[in-house]
């Protein structure tokens, strides 16, 4: 009540540590982490991002953090989710049950990028 009375009277008092912390916690984040879109605004992977993904998976396998470093617009979680969906669709299309065979086929699909 004392703070509200002082603010109403025009005398702005400095914020206490607890008030400053509460304001900081209630404020919206200053920027979104790399590759994250607000809910409801997800976007599809571009052809370029998918090619970067294929090359990195061919080179690094299931090390998703390392793969994500080669697809700068995506997080490791986004890369992992994309890989799950991609390999699932690949398996459905080609009925491959061996993950090693899928990786070999993936490497054969983009030899120039995987050879680096």
C-alpha atoms as a PDB file:
ATOM      1  CA  UNK A   1       0.000   0.000   0.000  1.00  0.00           C
ATOM      2  CA  UNK A   2       2.859   2.301   0.823  1.00  0.00           C
ATOM      3  CA  UNK A   3       4.456   1.765  -2.617  1.00  0.00           C
ATOM      4  CA  UNK A   4       1.164   2.302  -4.433  1.00  0.00           C
ATOM      5  CA  UNK A   5       0.561   5.551  -2.490  1.00  0.00           C
ATOM      6  CA  UNK A   6       4.035   6.814  -3.341  1.00  0.00           C
ATOM      7  CA  UNK A   7       3.558   5.984  -7.032  1.00  0.00           C
ATOM      8  CA  UNK A   8       0.160   7.707  -7.075  1.00  0.00           C
ATOM      9  CA  UNK A   9       1.666  10.812  -5.479  1.00  0.00           C
ATOM     10  CA  UNK A  10       4.234  11.008  -8.274  1.00  0.00           C
ATOM     11  CA  UNK A  11       7.169   9.978  -6.144  1.00  0.00           C
ATOM     12  CA  UNK A  12       8.495   6.868  -7.836  1.00  0.00           C
ATOM     13  CA  UNK A  13      10.438   4.754  -5.383  1.00  0.00           C
ATOM     14  CA  UNK A  14      13.165   2.399  -6.515  1.00  0.00           C
ATOM     15  CA  UNK A  15      12.075  -1.200  -6.861  1.00  0.00           C
ATOM     16  CA  UNK A  16      13.044  -3.669  -4.207  1.00  0.00           C
ATOM     17  CA  UNK A  17      15.062  -6.703  -5.247  1.00  0.00           C
ATOM     18  CA  UNK A  18      11.960  -8.899  -5.017  1.00  0.00           C
ATOM     19  CA  UNK A  19       9.946  -6.488  -7.180  1.00  0.00           C
ATOM     20  CA  UNK A  20      12.703  -6.256  -9.777  1.00  0.00           C
ATOM     21  CA  UNK A  21      12.966 -10.036  -9.902  1.00  0.00           C
ATOM     22  CA  UNK A  22       9.178 -10.372 -10.229  1.00  0.00           C
ATOM     23  CA  UNK A  23       9.156  -7.889 -13.139  1.00  0.00           C
ATOM     24  CA  UNK A  24      11.996  -9.750 -14.855  1.00  0.00           C
ATOM     25  CA  UNK A  25      10.227 -13.095 -14.488  1.00  0.00           C
ATOM     26  CA  UNK A  26       6.941 -11.691 -15.787  1.00  0.00           C
ATOM     27  CA  UNK A  27       8.517  -9.947 -18.797  1.00  0.00           C
ATOM     28  CA  UNK A  28       8.314 -11.717 -22.162  1.00  0.00           C
ATOM     29  CA  UNK A  29      11.554 -13.357 -23.320  1.00  0.00           C
ATOM     30  CA  UNK A  30      13.797 -10.999 -25.241  1.00  0.00           C
ATOM     31  CA  UNK A  31      14.364 -13.425 -28.104  1.00  0.00           C
ATOM     32  CA  UNK A  32      13.514 -16.966 -29.097  1.00  0.00           C
ATOM     33  CA  UNK A  33      16.159 -19.718 -28.949  1.00  0.00           C
ATOM     34  CA  UNK A  34      17.722 -20.653 -32.286  1.00  0.00           C
ATOM     35  CA  UNK A  35      15.355 -22.364 -34.692  1.00  0.00           C
ATOM     36  CA  UNK A  36      12.242 -22.197 -32.530  1.00  0.00           C
ATOM     37  CA  UNK A  37       9.015 -20.740 -33.839  1.00  0.00           C
ATOM     38  CA  UNK A  38       6.132 -19.552 -31.644  1.00  0.00           C
ATOM     39  CA  UNK A  39       3.404 -22.177 -31.199  1.00  0.00           C
ATOM     40  CA  UNK A  40       1.134 -22.432 -34.207  1.00  0.00           C
ATOM     41  CA  UNK A  41       3.739 -20.914 -36.518  1.00  0.00           C
ATOM     42  CA  UNK A  42       5.835 -23.967 -37.295  1.00  0.00           C
ATOM     43  CA  UNK A  43       7.284 -24.066 -40.761  1.00  0.00           C
ATOM     44  CA  UNK A  44       8.299 -26.888 -43.020  1.00  0.00           C
ATOM     45  CA  UNK A  45      11.902 -27.834 -43.602  1.00  0.00           C
ATOM     46  CA  UNK A  46      13.272 -26.169 -46.727  1.00  0.00           C
ATOM     47  CA  UNK A  47      14.977 -28.242 -49.417  1.00  0.00           C
ATOM     48  CA  UNK A  48      18.292 -26.660 -48.424  1.00  0.00           C
ATOM     49  CA  UNK A  49      17.815 -27.555 -44.731  1.00  0.00           C
ATOM     50  CA  UNK A  50      16.874 -31.119 -45.677  1.00  0.00           C
ATOM     51  CA  UNK A  51      19.972 -31.471 -47.890  1.00  0.00           C
ATOM     52  CA  UNK A  52      22.149 -30.197 -45.018  1.00  0.00           C
ATOM     53  CA  UNK A  53      20.406 -32.706 -42.745  1.00  0.00           C
ATOM     54  CA  UNK A  54      21.015 -35.610 -45.158  1.00  0.00           C
ATOM     55  CA  UNK A  55      24.685 -34.750 -45.575  1.00  0.00           C
ATOM     56  CA  UNK A  56      25.239 -34.394 -41.822  1.00  0.00           C
ATOM     57  CA  UNK A  57      23.394 -37.630 -40.968  1.00  0.00           C
ATOM     58  CA  UNK A  58      25.426 -39.450 -43.593  1.00  0.00           C
ATOM     59  CA  UNK A  59      28.594 -38.111 -42.015  1.00  0.00           C
ATOM     60  CA  UNK A  60      27.762 -38.119 -38.278  1.00  0.00           C
ATOM     61  CA  UNK A  61      24.995 -40.697 -37.899  1.00  0.00           C
ATOM     62  CA  UNK A  62      22.703 -40.252 -34.894  1.00  0.00           C
ATOM     63  CA  UNK A  63      24.771 -37.604 -33.104  1.00  0.00           C
ATOM     64  CA  UNK A  64      21.896 -35.096 -33.252  1.00  0.00           C
ATOM     65  CA  UNK A  65      23.725 -32.184 -31.617  1.00  0.00           C
ATOM     66  CA  UNK A  66      26.478 -32.471 -34.203  1.00  0.00           C
ATOM     67  CA  UNK A  67      23.942 -32.827 -37.028  1.00  0.00           C
ATOM     68  CA  UNK A  68      22.119 -29.718 -35.712  1.00  0.00           C
ATOM     69  CA  UNK A  69      25.370 -27.741 -35.886  1.00  0.00           C
ATOM     70  CA  UNK A  70      25.342 -28.393 -39.647  1.00  0.00           C
ATOM     71  CA  UNK A  71      21.708 -27.264 -39.971  1.00  0.00           C
ATOM     72  CA  UNK A  72      22.051 -23.891 -38.223  1.00  0.00           C
ATOM     73  CA  UNK A  73      18.358 -22.980 -38.342  1.00  0.00           C
ATOM     74  CA  UNK A  74      17.298 -26.112 -36.377  1.00  0.00           C
ATOM     75  CA  UNK A  75      17.800 -27.343 -32.821  1.00  0.00           C
ATOM     76  CA  UNK A  76      18.972 -30.842 -31.905  1.00  0.00           C
ATOM     77  CA  UNK A  77      15.400 -31.732 -30.871  1.00  0.00           C
ATOM     78  CA  UNK A  78      14.036 -30.543 -34.224  1.00  0.00           C
ATOM     79  CA  UNK A  79      16.707 -32.540 -36.075  1.00  0.00           C
ATOM     80  CA  UNK A  80      15.924 -35.657 -34.020  1.00  0.00           C
ATOM     81  CA  UNK A  81      12.188 -35.323 -34.709  1.00  0.00           C
ATOM     82  CA  UNK A  82      12.825 -34.755 -38.422  1.00  0.00           C
ATOM     83  CA  UNK A  83      15.074 -37.833 -38.517  1.00  0.00           C
ATOM     84  CA  UNK A  84      12.432 -39.983 -36.833  1.00  0.00           C
ATOM     85  CA  UNK A  85       9.778 -38.926 -39.335  1.00  0.00           C
ATOM     86  CA  UNK A  86      12.143 -39.122 -42.307  1.00  0.00           C
ATOM     87  CA  UNK A  87      13.392 -42.639 -41.517  1.00  0.00           C
ATOM     88  CA  UNK A  88       9.858 -43.798 -40.750  1.00  0.00           C
ATOM     89  CA  UNK A  89       8.663 -42.606 -44.166  1.00  0.00           C
ATOM     90  CA  UNK A  90      11.749 -44.058 -45.837  1.00  0.00           C
ATOM     91  CA  UNK A  91      11.104 -47.423 -44.193  1.00  0.00           C
ATOM     92  CA  UNK A  92       7.441 -47.355 -45.262  1.00  0.00           C
ATOM     93  CA  UNK A  93       8.370 -46.567 -48.859  1.00  0.00           C
ATOM     94  CA  UNK A  94      11.185 -49.055 -49.224  1.00  0.00           C
ATOM     95  CA  UNK A  95      10.255 -51.543 -46.518  1.00  0.00           C
ATOM     96  CA  UNK A  96      13.770 -51.613 -45.125  1.00  0.00           C
ATOM     97  CA  UNK A  97      14.086 -53.032 -41.642  1.00  0.00           C
ATOM     98  CA  UNK A  98      17.858 -52.561 -41.244  1.00  0.00           C
ATOM     99  CA  UNK A  99      18.884 -49.032 -40.104  1.00  0.00           C
ATOM    100  CA  UNK A 100      22.411 -49.614 -41.435  1.00  0.00           C
ATOM    101  CA  UNK A 101      20.970 -50.253 -44.897  1.00  0.00           C
ATOM    102  CA  UNK A 102      19.025 -46.999 -44.632  1.00  0.00           C
ATOM    103  CA  UNK A 103      22.203 -45.085 -43.758  1.00  0.00           C
ATOM    104  CA  UNK A 104      24.059 -46.701 -46.653  1.00  0.00           C
ATOM    105  CA  UNK A 105      21.274 -45.739 -49.027  1.00  0.00           C
ATOM    106  CA  UNK A 106      21.249 -42.235 -47.587  1.00  0.00           C
ATOM    107  CA  UNK A 107      25.002 -41.924 -48.146  1.00  0.00           C
ATOM    108  CA  UNK A 108      24.616 -43.145 -51.710  1.00  0.00           C
ATOM    109  CA  UNK A 109      21.873 -40.566 -52.323  1.00  0.00           C
ATOM    110  CA  UNK A 110      24.208 -37.620 -51.650  1.00  0.00           C
ATOM    111  CA  UNK A 111      27.803 -38.842 -52.208  1.00  0.00           C
ATOM    112  CA  UNK A 112      29.310 -35.417 -52.896  1.00  0.00           C
ATOM    113  CA  UNK A 113      28.261 -33.980 -49.527  1.00  0.00           C
ATOM    114  CA  UNK A 114      29.006 -37.125 -47.517  1.00  0.00           C
ATOM    115  CA  UNK A 115      32.542 -37.455 -48.871  1.00  0.00           C
ATOM    116  CA  UNK A 116      33.647 -34.179 -47.267  1.00  0.00           C
END
